[in-house]
Amino acid sequence: MAWNDLKKRVKQQFSDFLEIPGDVALDLPKIVLVGNVQLFVENHRGILEYSPESVRINTVDGELSVSGKELILRNVRPDEICVVGEISSINFLK
């Protein structure tokens, strides 16, 4: 088992034991989808690609790919991104 996997597993067990949410203890992304028109992503690591049909967001656990029509980045902050438009799919890529 790799050192990073062991470290992640220990953090997960510690988080579970203390009942701390994963987005806080493990720095995991918190994703909130409102219908198919608005997506909030907290704990991101930056934007990898942006077009009206596709947004790729870097996270600590991989890449989040959002596809749709007329996508707009409404808020881009160090801790949160808001994507609005007609969202057709969301995929996690490692």
N, C-alpha and C. Protein backbone atom coordinates (compact mmCIF):
# COMPACT_ATOMS: atom_id res chain seq x y z
N MET A 1 0.85 -1.18 0.00
CA MET A 1 0.00 0.00 0.00
C MET A 1 0.89 1.24 0.00
N ALA A 2 0.57 2.19 -0.84
CA ALA A 2 1.35 3.41 -0.95
C ALA A 2 1.14 4.29 0.29
N TRP A 3 2.15 5.10 0.58
CA TRP A 3 2.12 5.99 1.74
C TRP A 3 0.91 6.92 1.68
N ASN A 4 0.60 7.51 0.53
CA ASN A 4 -0.53 8.43 0.41
C ASN A 4 -1.86 7.73 0.68
N ASP A 5 -1.99 6.49 0.22
CA ASP A 5 -3.22 5.73 0.47
C ASP A 5 -3.40 5.45 1.96
N LEU A 6 -2.30 5.09 2.64
CA LEU A 6 -2.35 4.83 4.07
C LEU A 6 -2.71 6.10 4.84
N LYS A 7 -2.08 7.19 4.45
CA LYS A 7 -2.35 8.48 5.10
C LYS A 7 -3.82 8.88 4.92
N LYS A 8 -4.34 8.68 3.72
CA LYS A 8 -5.73 9.02 3.43
C LYS A 8 -6.68 8.14 4.24
N ARG A 9 -6.37 6.85 4.35
CA ARG A 9 -7.21 5.93 5.11
C ARG A 9 -7.23 6.28 6.60
N VAL A 10 -6.08 6.64 7.16
CA VAL A 10 -6.00 7.04 8.56
C VAL A 10 -6.81 8.31 8.80
N LYS A 11 -6.69 9.28 7.90
CA LYS A 11 -7.47 10.51 8.02
C LYS A 11 -8.96 10.22 7.95
N GLN A 12 -9.35 9.30 7.06
CA GLN A 12 -10.76 8.94 6.93
C GLN A 12 -11.27 8.30 8.21
N GLN A 13 -10.51 7.39 8.80
CA GLN A 13 -10.93 6.75 10.04
C GLN A 13 -11.01 7.75 11.19
N PHE A 14 -10.06 8.66 11.25
CA PHE A 14 -10.06 9.70 12.26
C PHE A 14 -11.28 10.61 12.09
N SER A 15 -11.56 10.98 10.86
CA SER A 15 -12.73 11.81 10.54
C SER A 15 -14.02 11.11 10.93
N ASP A 16 -14.13 9.82 10.61
CA ASP A 16 -15.32 9.05 10.97
C ASP A 16 -15.49 8.95 12.48
N PHE A 17 -14.38 8.69 13.19
CA PHE A 17 -14.43 8.54 14.64
C PHE A 17 -14.91 9.84 15.31
N LEU A 18 -14.40 10.97 14.86
CA LEU A 18 -14.78 12.26 15.45
C LEU A 18 -16.02 12.87 14.81
N GLU A 19 -16.58 12.18 13.82
CA GLU A 19 -17.77 12.64 13.10
C GLU A 19 -17.56 14.02 12.48
N ILE A 20 -16.38 14.19 11.88
CA ILE A 20 -16.05 15.42 11.17
C ILE A 20 -16.35 15.19 9.69
N PRO A 21 -17.06 16.11 9.04
CA PRO A 21 -17.36 15.92 7.61
C PRO A 21 -16.10 15.77 6.77
N GLY A 22 -16.17 14.92 5.74
CA GLY A 22 -15.03 14.65 4.88
C GLY A 22 -14.49 15.87 4.17
N ASP A 23 -15.38 16.81 3.81
CA ASP A 23 -14.90 18.00 3.11
C ASP A 23 -14.01 18.86 4.00
N VAL A 24 -14.17 18.75 5.31
CA VAL A 24 -13.35 19.50 6.25
C VAL A 24 -12.07 18.74 6.58
N ALA A 25 -12.20 17.51 7.02
CA ALA A 25 -11.05 16.73 7.49
C ALA A 25 -10.14 16.28 6.36
N LEU A 26 -10.71 15.91 5.22
CA LEU A 26 -9.92 15.35 4.13
C LEU A 26 -9.72 16.33 2.98
N ASP A 27 -10.23 17.53 3.13
CA ASP A 27 -10.13 18.56 2.10
C ASP A 27 -10.78 18.10 0.78
N LEU A 28 -11.85 17.30 0.90
CA LEU A 28 -12.55 16.81 -0.28
C LEU A 28 -13.45 17.91 -0.85
N PRO A 29 -13.73 17.86 -2.14
CA PRO A 29 -14.62 18.87 -2.70
C PRO A 29 -16.04 18.66 -2.21
N LYS A 30 -16.72 19.75 -1.95
CA LYS A 30 -18.15 19.72 -1.61
C LYS A 30 -18.88 20.24 -2.84
N ILE A 31 -19.79 19.41 -3.37
CA ILE A 31 -20.47 19.73 -4.61
C ILE A 31 -21.96 19.80 -4.36
N VAL A 32 -22.56 20.93 -4.74
CA VAL A 32 -24.00 21.12 -4.59
C VAL A 32 -24.57 21.42 -5.97
N LEU A 33 -25.52 20.60 -6.39
CA LEU A 33 -26.18 20.78 -7.68
C LEU A 33 -27.61 21.24 -7.42
N VAL A 34 -28.00 22.35 -8.03
CA VAL A 34 -29.36 22.88 -7.91
C VAL A 34 -30.06 22.63 -9.24
N GLY A 35 -30.94 21.62 -9.24
CA GLY A 35 -31.58 21.22 -10.49
C GLY A 35 -30.51 20.85 -11.49
N ASN A 36 -30.68 21.30 -12.73
CA ASN A 36 -29.62 21.12 -13.72
C ASN A 36 -29.13 22.47 -14.23
N VAL A 37 -29.30 23.51 -13.38
CA VAL A 37 -28.96 24.86 -13.81
C VAL A 37 -27.86 25.54 -13.02
N GLN A 38 -27.46 24.97 -11.87
CA GLN A 38 -26.46 25.64 -11.04
C GLN A 38 -25.65 24.60 -10.28
N LEU A 39 -24.33 24.78 -10.27
CA LEU A 39 -23.42 23.86 -9.60
C LEU A 39 -22.43 24.67 -8.76
N PHE A 40 -22.35 24.34 -7.47
CA PHE A 40 -21.38 24.96 -6.57
C PHE A 40 -20.31 23.91 -6.23
N VAL A 41 -19.04 24.30 -6.31
CA VAL A 41 -17.94 23.41 -5.95
C VAL A 41 -17.06 24.14 -4.95
N GLU A 42 -16.98 23.59 -3.74
CA GLU A 42 -16.09 24.12 -2.72
C GLU A 42 -14.85 23.25 -2.63
N ASN A 43 -13.76 23.79 -2.12
CA ASN A 43 -12.48 23.09 -1.96
C ASN A 43 -11.90 22.65 -3.30
N HIS A 44 -11.95 23.50 -4.29
CA HIS A 44 -11.37 23.19 -5.60
C HIS A 44 -9.90 23.59 -5.64
N ARG A 45 -9.21 23.17 -6.68
CA ARG A 45 -7.80 23.49 -6.87
C ARG A 45 -7.56 24.28 -8.16
N GLY A 46 -8.62 24.84 -8.72
CA GLY A 46 -8.47 25.68 -9.91
C GLY A 46 -9.24 25.15 -11.10
N ILE A 47 -9.32 25.99 -12.13
CA ILE A 47 -10.02 25.66 -13.36
C ILE A 47 -9.00 25.17 -14.38
N LEU A 48 -9.26 24.01 -14.96
CA LEU A 48 -8.37 23.44 -15.96
C LEU A 48 -8.79 23.82 -17.38
N GLU A 49 -10.09 23.95 -17.60
CA GLU A 49 -10.62 24.27 -18.93
C GLU A 49 -11.98 24.92 -18.78
N TYR A 50 -12.25 25.89 -19.64
CA TYR A 50 -13.57 26.53 -19.62
C TYR A 50 -14.01 26.86 -21.04
N SER A 51 -15.23 26.45 -21.37
CA SER A 51 -15.89 26.85 -22.60
C SER A 51 -17.39 26.85 -22.31
N PRO A 52 -18.22 27.37 -23.20
CA PRO A 52 -19.66 27.36 -22.96
C PRO A 52 -20.27 25.95 -22.91
N GLU A 53 -19.52 24.94 -23.36
CA GLU A 53 -20.01 23.55 -23.34
C GLU A 53 -19.32 22.67 -22.31
N SER A 54 -18.21 23.12 -21.74
CA SER A 54 -17.44 22.26 -20.85
C SER A 54 -16.66 23.07 -19.82
N VAL A 55 -16.67 22.59 -18.58
CA VAL A 55 -15.85 23.17 -17.52
C VAL A 55 -15.14 22.00 -16.83
N ARG A 56 -13.83 22.10 -16.71
CA ARG A 56 -13.04 21.09 -15.99
C ARG A 56 -12.41 21.76 -14.79
N ILE A 57 -12.66 21.17 -13.61
CA ILE A 57 -12.21 21.75 -12.35
C ILE A 57 -11.29 20.75 -11.65
N ASN A 58 -10.14 21.23 -11.21
CA ASN A 58 -9.19 20.39 -10.49
C ASN A 58 -9.59 20.30 -9.02
N THR A 59 -9.53 19.09 -8.46
CA THR A 59 -9.79 18.89 -7.03
C THR A 59 -8.67 18.03 -6.45
N VAL A 60 -8.63 17.94 -5.15
CA VAL A 60 -7.60 17.15 -4.49
C VAL A 60 -7.73 15.67 -4.84
N ASP A 61 -8.92 15.24 -5.21
CA ASP A 61 -9.18 13.83 -5.49
C ASP A 61 -9.27 13.53 -6.99
N GLY A 62 -8.91 14.47 -7.83
CA GLY A 62 -8.97 14.26 -9.28
C GLY A 62 -9.60 15.45 -9.98
N GLU A 63 -10.25 15.16 -11.07
CA GLU A 63 -10.82 16.20 -11.92
C GLU A 63 -12.34 16.05 -11.98
N LEU A 64 -13.02 17.19 -11.92
CA LEU A 64 -14.47 17.23 -12.06
C LEU A 64 -14.77 17.84 -13.42
N SER A 65 -15.48 17.09 -14.26
CA SER A 65 -15.82 17.56 -15.60
C SER A 65 -17.32 17.83 -15.67
N VAL A 66 -17.68 19.04 -16.10
CA VAL A 66 -19.08 19.45 -16.22
C VAL A 66 -19.34 19.74 -17.69
N SER A 67 -20.39 19.13 -18.23
CA SER A 67 -20.77 19.35 -19.63
C SER A 67 -22.17 19.93 -19.68
N GLY A 68 -22.43 20.72 -20.72
CA GLY A 68 -23.75 21.31 -20.87
C GLY A 68 -23.79 22.34 -21.97
N LYS A 69 -24.75 23.24 -21.87
CA LYS A 69 -24.93 24.32 -22.85
C LYS A 69 -24.95 25.65 -22.13
N GLU A 70 -24.36 26.65 -22.76
CA GLU A 70 -24.35 28.02 -22.25
C GLU A 70 -23.83 28.10 -20.81
N LEU A 71 -22.77 27.35 -20.53
CA LEU A 71 -22.18 27.34 -19.18
C LEU A 71 -21.41 28.63 -18.94
N ILE A 72 -21.61 29.20 -17.77
CA ILE A 72 -20.96 30.45 -17.38
C ILE A 72 -20.39 30.26 -15.98
N LEU A 73 -19.19 30.76 -15.75
CA LEU A 73 -18.61 30.78 -14.42
C LEU A 73 -19.09 32.05 -13.73
N ARG A 74 -20.03 31.88 -12.82
CA ARG A 74 -20.62 33.05 -12.17
C ARG A 74 -19.75 33.57 -11.04
N ASN A 75 -19.28 32.70 -10.20
CA ASN A 75 -18.38 33.08 -9.11
C ASN A 75 -17.14 32.21 -9.17
N VAL A 76 -15.99 32.84 -9.14
CA VAL A 76 -14.74 32.10 -9.04
C VAL A 76 -13.98 32.71 -7.87
N ARG A 77 -13.94 31.96 -6.79
CA ARG A 77 -13.24 32.40 -5.58
C ARG A 77 -12.22 31.34 -5.21
N PRO A 78 -11.27 31.67 -4.36
CA PRO A 78 -10.28 30.67 -3.95
C PRO A 78 -10.89 29.43 -3.31
N ASP A 79 -12.07 29.57 -2.70
CA ASP A 79 -12.68 28.44 -2.01
C ASP A 79 -13.95 27.92 -2.67
N GLU A 80 -14.45 28.59 -3.71
CA GLU A 80 -15.72 28.18 -4.32
C GLU A 80 -15.81 28.61 -5.78
N ILE A 81 -16.45 27.75 -6.58
CA ILE A 81 -16.76 28.07 -7.98
C ILE A 81 -18.25 27.81 -8.17
N CYS A 82 -18.91 28.70 -8.90
CA CYS A 82 -20.32 28.50 -9.24
C CYS A 82 -20.44 28.48 -10.77
N VAL A 83 -20.98 27.37 -11.29
CA VAL A 83 -21.21 27.21 -12.72
C VAL A 83 -22.72 27.26 -12.95
N VAL A 84 -23.17 28.13 -13.87
CA VAL A 84 -24.59 28.19 -14.20
C VAL A 84 -24.77 27.91 -15.69
N GLY A 85 -25.93 27.42 -16.06
CA GLY A 85 -26.25 27.08 -17.44
C GLY A 85 -27.06 25.80 -17.45
N GLU A 86 -27.21 25.21 -18.61
CA GLU A 86 -27.93 23.94 -18.73
C GLU A 86 -26.94 22.80 -18.58
N ILE A 87 -26.86 22.22 -17.39
CA ILE A 87 -25.90 21.16 -17.07
C ILE A 87 -26.46 19.83 -17.49
N SER A 88 -25.72 19.10 -18.33
CA SER A 88 -26.20 17.80 -18.81
C SER A 88 -25.46 16.64 -18.16
N SER A 89 -24.21 16.83 -17.73
CA SER A 89 -23.50 15.74 -17.06
C SER A 89 -22.38 16.27 -16.17
N ILE A 90 -22.09 15.46 -15.13
CA ILE A 90 -20.99 15.73 -14.22
C ILE A 90 -20.24 14.42 -14.06
N ASN A 91 -18.92 14.46 -14.29
CA ASN A 91 -18.09 13.25 -14.19
C ASN A 91 -16.87 13.50 -13.34
N PHE A 92 -16.47 12.47 -12.57
CA PHE A 92 -15.23 12.51 -11.81
C PHE A 92 -14.19 11.70 -12.56
N LEU A 93 -13.04 12.30 -12.80
CA LEU A 93 -11.95 11.62 -13.49
C LEU A 93 -10.75 11.59 -12.55
N LYS A 94 -10.13 10.44 -12.43
CA LYS A 94 -8.94 10.33 -11.56
C LYS A 94 -7.70 10.29 -12.40
